[in-house]
Every structure is written in structure tokens, then in C-alpha cells.
Amino acid sequence: MSGEGLVPDCSGCYAEAGSYEGQTAYNRCDGAYWIWYNGMGYIISNAKGQETTNFWEHIPGPLPAGDYAPLGGAEGTPNVAPA
């Protein structure tokens, strides 16, 4: 995953890490961020299942690839591309 001006910086490598809401979930290699499905689309946040502050959203799902919109104080547009 990449992007410029990401605050906080959620960029980096992500690997499959189980599932959430019936879709594959991904954890950043250092464990600091998750990409997970909330039933409508994918979310990038620091905790799987939590959309509180500093998160990004990609709707529609159920595929995680594409640009994400910042919400809850987050900045920048991360882009998730297939490996």
C-alpha cells in the first residue's frame, strides 16, 4: 500500500491475517494497521473492527484494491494495489 501525505502513515506491506465480516483481513507487517471489511467496504485503521479516529474507507467492497477516503481526522489518500 502506498500514498503521499498520509497522516498518520498507514503505508507499508500488508499480509493476509484471517477474516472479518466474511472477507479477508490484512495486517501491516509491523502490526500497526489493519485493512478489514465492515460489511459495506474496506477500512484502514489501527484496530480491526474499529472506526474511531484517523481511518480511511473504500466503498464499495468487497475487494480491498483502490483509493481510500480519509475520515475521522486522517489525511491523504492511500492506494491499495494487489501484490
PDB file of N, CA and C in Angstrom:
ATOM      1  N   MET A   1       0.836  -1.160   0.000  1.00  0.00           N
ATOM      2  CA  MET A   1       0.000   0.000   0.000  1.00  0.00           C
ATOM      3  C   MET A   1       0.890   1.234   0.000  1.00  0.00           C
ATOM      4  N   SER A   2       0.451   2.246  -0.724  1.00  0.00           N
ATOM      5  CA  SER A   2       1.232   3.464  -0.831  1.00  0.00           C
ATOM      6  C   SER A   2       0.309   4.669  -0.770  1.00  0.00           C
ATOM      7  N   GLY A   3       0.909   5.841  -0.749  1.00  0.00           N
ATOM      8  CA  GLY A   3       0.171   7.098  -0.741  1.00  0.00           C
ATOM      9  C   GLY A   3       1.066   8.203  -0.244  1.00  0.00           C
ATOM     10  N   GLU A   4       0.732   9.427  -0.612  1.00  0.00           N
ATOM     11  CA  GLU A   4       1.512  10.572  -0.154  1.00  0.00           C
ATOM     12  C   GLU A   4       0.684  11.413   0.800  1.00  0.00           C
ATOM     13  N   GLY A   5       1.353  12.037   1.746  1.00  0.00           N
ATOM     14  CA  GLY A   5       0.672  12.896   2.701  1.00  0.00           C
ATOM     15  C   GLY A   5      -0.221  12.159   3.669  1.00  0.00           C
ATOM     16  N   LEU A   6       0.096  10.898   3.944  1.00  0.00           N
ATOM     17  CA  LEU A   6      -0.735  10.098   4.848  1.00  0.00           C
ATOM     18  C   LEU A   6      -0.435  10.452   6.300  1.00  0.00           C
ATOM     19  N   VAL A   7      -1.442  10.921   6.993  1.00  0.00           N
ATOM     20  CA  VAL A   7      -1.320  11.248   8.416  1.00  0.00           C
ATOM     21  C   VAL A   7      -2.487  10.601   9.124  1.00  0.00           C
ATOM     22  N   PRO A   8      -2.199   9.645  10.008  1.00  0.00           N
ATOM     23  CA  PRO A   8      -0.916   9.008  10.263  1.00  0.00           C
ATOM     24  C   PRO A   8      -0.475   8.155   9.071  1.00  0.00           C
ATOM     25  N   ASP A   9       0.772   7.733   9.098  1.00  0.00           N
ATOM     26  CA  ASP A   9       1.339   6.975   7.980  1.00  0.00           C
ATOM     27  C   ASP A   9       0.935   5.505   8.074  1.00  0.00           C
ATOM     28  N   CYS A  10      -0.015   5.125   7.235  1.00  0.00           N
ATOM     29  CA  CYS A  10      -0.504   3.738   7.229  1.00  0.00           C
ATOM     30  C   CYS A  10       0.106   2.935   6.084  1.00  0.00           C
ATOM     31  N   SER A  11       1.076   3.518   5.366  1.00  0.00           N
ATOM     32  CA  SER A  11       1.674   2.820   4.225  1.00  0.00           C
ATOM     33  C   SER A  11       2.547   1.662   4.690  1.00  0.00           C
ATOM     34  N   GLY A  12       2.855   0.761   3.782  1.00  0.00           N
ATOM     35  CA  GLY A  12       3.723  -0.356   4.100  1.00  0.00           C
ATOM     36  C   GLY A  12       3.200  -1.654   3.519  1.00  0.00           C
ATOM     37  N   CYS A  13       3.852  -2.731   3.916  1.00  0.00           N
ATOM     38  CA  CYS A  13       3.432  -4.049   3.428  1.00  0.00           C
ATOM     39  C   CYS A  13       2.359  -4.613   4.358  1.00  0.00           C
ATOM     40  N   TYR A  14       1.388  -5.274   3.759  1.00  0.00           N
ATOM     41  CA  TYR A  14       0.294  -5.910   4.491  1.00  0.00           C
ATOM     42  C   TYR A  14       0.215  -7.368   4.064  1.00  0.00           C
ATOM     43  N   ALA A  15      -0.151  -8.224   4.996  1.00  0.00           N
ATOM     44  CA  ALA A  15      -0.295  -9.653   4.709  1.00  0.00           C
ATOM     45  C   ALA A  15      -1.660 -10.134   5.203  1.00  0.00           C
ATOM     46  N   GLU A  16      -2.190 -11.158   4.554  1.00  0.00           N
ATOM     47  CA  GLU A  16      -3.459 -11.733   4.992  1.00  0.00           C
ATOM     48  C   GLU A  16      -3.363 -12.147   6.450  1.00  0.00           C
ATOM     49  N   ALA A  17      -4.427 -11.855   7.195  1.00  0.00           N
ATOM     50  CA  ALA A  17      -4.442 -12.168   8.625  1.00  0.00           C
ATOM     51  C   ALA A  17      -5.860 -12.514   9.070  1.00  0.00           C
ATOM     52  N   GLY A  18      -6.384 -13.604   8.557  1.00  0.00           N
ATOM     53  CA  GLY A  18      -7.710 -14.038   8.956  1.00  0.00           C
ATOM     54  C   GLY A  18      -8.797 -13.344   8.177  1.00  0.00           C
ATOM     55  N   SER A  19      -9.958 -13.189   8.815  1.00  0.00           N
ATOM     56  CA  SER A  19     -11.086 -12.557   8.140  1.00  0.00           C
ATOM     57  C   SER A  19     -11.873 -11.714   9.129  1.00  0.00           C
ATOM     58  N   TYR A  20     -12.752 -10.879   8.565  1.00  0.00           N
ATOM     59  CA  TYR A  20     -13.658 -10.054   9.364  1.00  0.00           C
ATOM     60  C   TYR A  20     -14.894  -9.818   8.508  1.00  0.00           C
ATOM     61  N   GLU A  21     -16.081 -10.003   9.051  1.00  0.00           N
ATOM     62  CA  GLU A  21     -17.331  -9.860   8.307  1.00  0.00           C
ATOM     63  C   GLU A  21     -17.345 -10.707   7.033  1.00  0.00           C
ATOM     64  N   GLY A  22     -16.713 -11.886   7.096  1.00  0.00           N
ATOM     65  CA  GLY A  22     -16.737 -12.822   5.984  1.00  0.00           C
ATOM     66  C   GLY A  22     -15.782 -12.514   4.840  1.00  0.00           C
ATOM     67  N   GLN A  23     -14.915 -11.501   4.988  1.00  0.00           N
ATOM     68  CA  GLN A  23     -13.942 -11.140   3.955  1.00  0.00           C
ATOM     69  C   GLN A  23     -12.532 -11.201   4.538  1.00  0.00           C
ATOM     70  N   THR A  24     -11.555 -11.334   3.669  1.00  0.00           N
ATOM     71  CA  THR A  24     -10.166 -11.395   4.106  1.00  0.00           C
ATOM     72  C   THR A  24      -9.767 -10.090   4.795  1.00  0.00           C
ATOM     73  N   ALA A  25      -9.058 -10.209   5.906  1.00  0.00           N
ATOM     74  CA  ALA A  25      -8.483  -9.067   6.616  1.00  0.00           C
ATOM     75  C   ALA A  25      -6.971  -9.095   6.410  1.00  0.00           C
ATOM     76  N   TYR A  26      -6.357  -7.921   6.468  1.00  0.00           N
ATOM     77  CA  TYR A  26      -4.913  -7.797   6.250  1.00  0.00           C
ATOM     78  C   TYR A  26      -4.314  -6.990   7.389  1.00  0.00           C
ATOM     79  N   ASN A  27      -3.133  -7.395   7.843  1.00  0.00           N
ATOM     80  CA  ASN A  27      -2.436  -6.705   8.920  1.00  0.00           C
ATOM     81  C   ASN A  27      -1.116  -6.181   8.375  1.00  0.00           C
ATOM     82  N   ARG A  28      -0.772  -4.920   8.724  1.00  0.00           N
ATOM     83  CA  ARG A  28       0.514  -4.396   8.291  1.00  0.00           C
ATOM     84  C   ARG A  28       1.619  -5.230   8.913  1.00  0.00           C
ATOM     85  N   CYS A  29       2.713  -5.383   8.209  1.00  0.00           N
ATOM     86  CA  CYS A  29       3.777  -6.305   8.632  1.00  0.00           C
ATOM     87  C   CYS A  29       4.301  -6.015  10.040  1.00  0.00           C
ATOM     88  N   ASP A  30       4.200  -4.758  10.500  1.00  0.00           N
ATOM     89  CA  ASP A  30       4.642  -4.445  11.868  1.00  0.00           C
ATOM     90  C   ASP A  30       3.491  -4.496  12.871  1.00  0.00           C
ATOM     91  N   GLY A  31       2.283  -4.841  12.399  1.00  0.00           N
ATOM     92  CA  GLY A  31       1.125  -4.986  13.275  1.00  0.00           C
ATOM     93  C   GLY A  31       0.416  -3.690  13.635  1.00  0.00           C
ATOM     94  N   ALA A  32       0.850  -2.548  13.083  1.00  0.00           N
ATOM     95  CA  ALA A  32       0.302  -1.254  13.497  1.00  0.00           C
ATOM     96  C   ALA A  32      -1.044  -0.906  12.859  1.00  0.00           C
ATOM     97  N   TYR A  33      -1.372  -1.465  11.690  1.00  0.00           N
ATOM     98  CA  TYR A  33      -2.617  -1.125  10.989  1.00  0.00           C
ATOM     99  C   TYR A  33      -3.271  -2.359  10.400  1.00  0.00           C
ATOM    100  N   TRP A  34      -4.583  -2.235  10.175  1.00  0.00           N
ATOM    101  CA  TRP A  34      -5.387  -3.292   9.583  1.00  0.00           C
ATOM    102  C   TRP A  34      -6.136  -2.772   8.367  1.00  0.00           C
ATOM    103  N   ILE A  35      -6.378  -3.650   7.416  1.00  0.00           N
ATOM    104  CA  ILE A  35      -7.335  -3.428   6.339  1.00  0.00           C
ATOM    105  C   ILE A  35      -8.395  -4.501   6.535  1.00  0.00           C
ATOM    106  N   TRP A  36      -9.627  -4.091   6.762  1.00  0.00           N
ATOM    107  CA  TRP A  36     -10.677  -5.037   7.108  1.00  0.00           C
ATOM    108  C   TRP A  36     -12.010  -4.574   6.528  1.00  0.00           C
ATOM    109  N   TYR A  37     -12.926  -5.516   6.355  1.00  0.00           N
ATOM    110  CA  TYR A  37     -14.225  -5.274   5.740  1.00  0.00           C
ATOM    111  C   TYR A  37     -15.265  -4.978   6.818  1.00  0.00           C
ATOM    112  N   ASN A  38     -16.047  -3.898   6.650  1.00  0.00           N
ATOM    113  CA  ASN A  38     -17.048  -3.541   7.662  1.00  0.00           C
ATOM    114  C   ASN A  38     -18.485  -3.885   7.250  1.00  0.00           C
ATOM    115  N   GLY A  39     -18.635  -4.660   6.186  1.00  0.00           N
ATOM    116  CA  GLY A  39     -19.965  -5.031   5.715  1.00  0.00           C
ATOM    117  C   GLY A  39     -20.415  -4.223   4.512  1.00  0.00           C
ATOM    118  N   MET A  40     -19.794  -3.045   4.296  1.00  0.00           N
ATOM    119  CA  MET A  40     -20.111  -2.194   3.150  1.00  0.00           C
ATOM    120  C   MET A  40     -18.891  -1.947   2.274  1.00  0.00           C
ATOM    121  N   GLY A  41     -17.722  -1.937   2.869  1.00  0.00           N
ATOM    122  CA  GLY A  41     -16.483  -1.673   2.159  1.00  0.00           C
ATOM    123  C   GLY A  41     -15.302  -1.930   3.074  1.00  0.00           C
ATOM    124  N   TYR A  42     -14.122  -1.661   2.566  1.00  0.00           N
ATOM    125  CA  TYR A  42     -12.912  -1.891   3.355  1.00  0.00           C
ATOM    126  C   TYR A  42     -12.500  -0.636   4.117  1.00  0.00           C
ATOM    127  N   ILE A  43     -11.914  -0.847   5.285  1.00  0.00           N
ATOM    128  CA  ILE A  43     -11.457   0.202   6.190  1.00  0.00           C
ATOM    129  C   ILE A  43      -9.977  -0.029   6.476  1.00  0.00           C
ATOM    130  N   ILE A  44      -9.212   1.058   6.582  1.00  0.00           N
ATOM    131  CA  ILE A  44      -7.840   1.003   7.090  1.00  0.00           C
ATOM    132  C   ILE A  44      -7.866   1.716   8.434  1.00  0.00           C
ATOM    133  N   SER A  45      -7.490   1.007   9.492  1.00  0.00           N
ATOM    134  CA  SER A  45      -7.458   1.608  10.828  1.00  0.00           C
ATOM    135  C   SER A  45      -6.410   0.902  11.676  1.00  0.00           C
ATOM    136  N   ASN A  46      -6.146   1.473  12.848  1.00  0.00           N
ATOM    137  CA  ASN A  46      -5.124   0.870  13.705  1.00  0.00           C
ATOM    138  C   ASN A  46      -5.650  -0.306  14.516  1.00  0.00           C
ATOM    139  N   ALA A  47      -6.942  -0.581  14.441  1.00  0.00           N
ATOM    140  CA  ALA A  47      -7.507  -1.738  15.144  1.00  0.00           C
ATOM    141  C   ALA A  47      -8.613  -2.346  14.293  1.00  0.00           C
ATOM    142  N   LYS A  48      -8.540  -3.636  14.060  1.00  0.00           N
ATOM    143  CA  LYS A  48      -9.568  -4.330  13.276  1.00  0.00           C
ATOM    144  C   LYS A  48     -10.919  -4.191  13.967  1.00  0.00           C
ATOM    145  N   GLY A  49     -11.926  -3.749  13.219  1.00  0.00           N
ATOM    146  CA  GLY A  49     -13.268  -3.610  13.762  1.00  0.00           C
ATOM    147  C   GLY A  49     -13.560  -2.259  14.386  1.00  0.00           C
ATOM    148  N   GLN A  50     -12.606  -1.315  14.345  1.00  0.00           N
ATOM    149  CA  GLN A  50     -12.819  -0.007  14.968  1.00  0.00           C
ATOM    150  C   GLN A  50     -12.649   1.120  13.963  1.00  0.00           C
ATOM    151  N   GLU A  51     -13.686   1.948  13.843  1.00  0.00           N
ATOM    152  CA  GLU A  51     -13.659   3.151  13.015  1.00  0.00           C
ATOM    153  C   GLU A  51     -13.856   4.332  13.952  1.00  0.00           C
ATOM    154  N   THR A  52     -12.806   4.778  14.602  1.00  0.00           N
ATOM    155  CA  THR A  52     -12.956   5.864  15.568  1.00  0.00           C
ATOM    156  C   THR A  52     -12.292   7.134  15.039  1.00  0.00           C
ATOM    157  N   THR A  53     -10.988   7.225  15.154  1.00  0.00           N
ATOM    158  CA  THR A  53     -10.265   8.379  14.630  1.00  0.00           C
ATOM    159  C   THR A  53      -9.183   7.901  13.682  1.00  0.00           C
ATOM    160  N   ASN A  54      -8.805   8.779  12.757  1.00  0.00           N
ATOM    161  CA  ASN A  54      -7.705   8.506  11.823  1.00  0.00           C
ATOM    162  C   ASN A  54      -7.875   7.176  11.094  1.00  0.00           C
ATOM    163  N   PHE A  55      -8.913   7.106  10.261  1.00  0.00           N
ATOM    164  CA  PHE A  55      -9.108   5.900   9.464  1.00  0.00           C
ATOM    165  C   PHE A  55      -9.484   6.299   8.039  1.00  0.00           C
ATOM    166  N   TRP A  56      -9.444   5.330   7.138  1.00  0.00           N
ATOM    167  CA  TRP A  56      -9.750   5.544   5.729  1.00  0.00           C
ATOM    168  C   TRP A  56     -10.781   4.506   5.285  1.00  0.00           C
ATOM    169  N   GLU A  57     -11.602   4.871   4.308  1.00  0.00           N
ATOM    170  CA  GLU A  57     -12.690   4.000   3.874  1.00  0.00           C
ATOM    171  C   GLU A  57     -12.674   3.852   2.349  1.00  0.00           C
ATOM    172  N   HIS A  58     -12.941   2.622   1.897  1.00  0.00           N
ATOM    173  CA  HIS A  58     -13.050   2.313   0.469  1.00  0.00           C
ATOM    174  C   HIS A  58     -14.373   1.608   0.235  1.00  0.00           C
ATOM    175  N   ILE A  59     -15.310   2.306  -0.384  1.00  0.00           N
ATOM    176  CA  ILE A  59     -16.619   1.729  -0.692  1.00  0.00           C
ATOM    177  C   ILE A  59     -16.823   1.915  -2.178  1.00  0.00           C
ATOM    178  N   PRO A  60     -17.294   0.979  -2.927  1.00  0.00           N
ATOM    179  CA  PRO A  60     -17.882  -0.270  -2.454  1.00  0.00           C
ATOM    180  C   PRO A  60     -16.837  -1.366  -2.270  1.00  0.00           C
ATOM    181  N   GLY A  61     -17.172  -2.357  -1.471  1.00  0.00           N
ATOM    182  CA  GLY A  61     -16.387  -3.562  -1.327  1.00  0.00           C
ATOM    183  C   GLY A  61     -16.932  -4.569  -2.307  1.00  0.00           C
ATOM    184  N   PRO A  62     -16.609  -5.798  -2.265  1.00  0.00           N
ATOM    185  CA  PRO A  62     -15.815  -6.466  -1.238  1.00  0.00           C
ATOM    186  C   PRO A  62     -14.345  -6.652  -1.605  1.00  0.00           C
ATOM    187  N   LEU A  63     -13.823  -5.925  -2.586  1.00  0.00           N
ATOM    188  CA  LEU A  63     -12.404  -6.037  -2.909  1.00  0.00           C
ATOM    189  C   LEU A  63     -11.649  -4.859  -2.303  1.00  0.00           C
ATOM    190  N   PRO A  64     -10.493  -5.110  -1.680  1.00  0.00           N
ATOM    191  CA  PRO A  64      -9.786  -4.037  -0.983  1.00  0.00           C
ATOM    192  C   PRO A  64      -8.985  -3.094  -1.882  1.00  0.00           C
ATOM    193  N   ALA A  65      -8.752  -3.432  -3.148  1.00  0.00           N
ATOM    194  CA  ALA A  65      -7.895  -2.616  -4.010  1.00  0.00           C
ATOM    195  C   ALA A  65      -8.577  -1.313  -4.403  1.00  0.00           C
ATOM    196  N   GLY A  66      -7.795  -0.233  -4.434  1.00  0.00           N
ATOM    197  CA  GLY A  66      -8.295   1.068  -4.872  1.00  0.00           C
ATOM    198  C   GLY A  66      -7.891   2.183  -3.929  1.00  0.00           C
ATOM    199  N   ASP A  67      -8.429   3.378  -4.186  1.00  0.00           N
ATOM    200  CA  ASP A  67      -8.161   4.546  -3.348  1.00  0.00           C
ATOM    201  C   ASP A  67      -9.107   4.571  -2.158  1.00  0.00           C
ATOM    202  N   TYR A  68      -8.615   5.080  -1.043  1.00  0.00           N
ATOM    203  CA  TYR A  68      -9.373   5.176   0.200  1.00  0.00           C
ATOM    204  C   TYR A  68      -9.552   6.646   0.574  1.00  0.00           C
ATOM    205  N   ALA A  69     -10.721   6.993   1.100  1.00  0.00           N
ATOM    206  CA  ALA A  69     -11.024   8.354   1.531  1.00  0.00           C
ATOM    207  C   ALA A  69     -10.723   8.519   3.019  1.00  0.00           C
ATOM    208  N   PRO A  70     -10.076   9.642   3.394  1.00  0.00           N
ATOM    209  CA  PRO A  70      -9.766   9.873   4.809  1.00  0.00           C
ATOM    210  C   PRO A  70     -11.004  10.285   5.605  1.00  0.00           C
ATOM    211  N   LEU A  71     -11.106   9.763   6.826  1.00  0.00           N
ATOM    212  CA  LEU A  71     -12.196  10.093   7.740  1.00  0.00           C
ATOM    213  C   LEU A  71     -11.644  10.196   9.156  1.00  0.00           C
ATOM    214  N   GLY A  72     -12.386  10.805  10.040  1.00  0.00           N
ATOM    215  CA  GLY A  72     -12.022  10.853  11.453  1.00  0.00           C
ATOM    216  C   GLY A  72     -10.706  11.542  11.743  1.00  0.00           C
ATOM    217  N   GLY A  73     -10.312  12.511  10.917  1.00  0.00           N
ATOM    218  CA  GLY A  73      -9.077  13.238  11.159  1.00  0.00           C
ATOM    219  C   GLY A  73      -7.883  12.756  10.358  1.00  0.00           C
ATOM    220  N   ALA A  74      -8.014  11.632   9.676  1.00  0.00           N
ATOM    221  CA  ALA A  74      -6.916  11.123   8.837  1.00  0.00           C
ATOM    222  C   ALA A  74      -6.709  12.062   7.642  1.00  0.00           C
ATOM    223  N   GLU A  75      -5.527  12.012   7.049  1.00  0.00           N
ATOM    224  CA  GLU A  75      -5.214  12.839   5.882  1.00  0.00           C
ATOM    225  C   GLU A  75      -4.576  11.979   4.810  1.00  0.00           C
ATOM    226  N   GLY A  76      -4.715  12.415   3.547  1.00  0.00           N
ATOM    227  CA  GLY A  76      -4.108  11.721   2.427  1.00  0.00           C
ATOM    228  C   GLY A  76      -5.025  10.665   1.853  1.00  0.00           C
ATOM    229  N   THR A  77      -4.588  10.115   0.722  1.00  0.00           N
ATOM    230  CA  THR A  77      -5.370   9.090   0.019  1.00  0.00           C
ATOM    231  C   THR A  77      -4.524   7.866  -0.202  1.00  0.00           C
ATOM    232  N   PRO A  78      -4.597   6.878   0.681  1.00  0.00           N
ATOM    233  CA  PRO A  78      -3.849   5.652   0.452  1.00  0.00           C
ATOM    234  C   PRO A  78      -4.423   4.878  -0.734  1.00  0.00           C
ATOM    235  N   ASN A  79      -3.558   4.168  -1.420  1.00  0.00           N
ATOM    236  CA  ASN A  79      -3.970   3.326  -2.526  1.00  0.00           C
ATOM    237  C   ASN A  79      -3.507   1.906  -2.263  1.00  0.00           C
ATOM    238  N   VAL A  80      -4.454   0.990  -2.265  1.00  0.00           N
ATOM    239  CA  VAL A  80      -4.156  -0.431  -2.064  1.00  0.00           C
ATOM    240  C   VAL A  80      -4.139  -1.087  -3.428  1.00  0.00           C
ATOM    241  N   ALA A  81      -3.017  -1.721  -3.746  1.00  0.00           N
ATOM    242  CA  ALA A  81      -2.863  -2.422  -5.014  1.00  0.00           C
ATOM    243  C   ALA A  81      -2.590  -3.900  -4.733  1.00  0.00           C
ATOM    244  N   PRO A  82      -3.107  -4.786  -5.583  1.00  0.00           N
ATOM    245  CA  PRO A  82      -2.827  -6.209  -5.390  1.00  0.00           C
ATOM    246  C   PRO A  82      -1.327  -6.487  -5.447  1.00  0.00           C
ATOM    247  N   ALA A  83      -0.889  -7.461  -4.678  1.00  0.00           N
ATOM    248  CA  ALA A  83       0.544  -7.805  -4.636  1.00  0.00           C
ATOM    249  C   ALA A  83       0.946  -8.544  -5.894  1.00  0.00           C
TER     250      ALA A  83
END
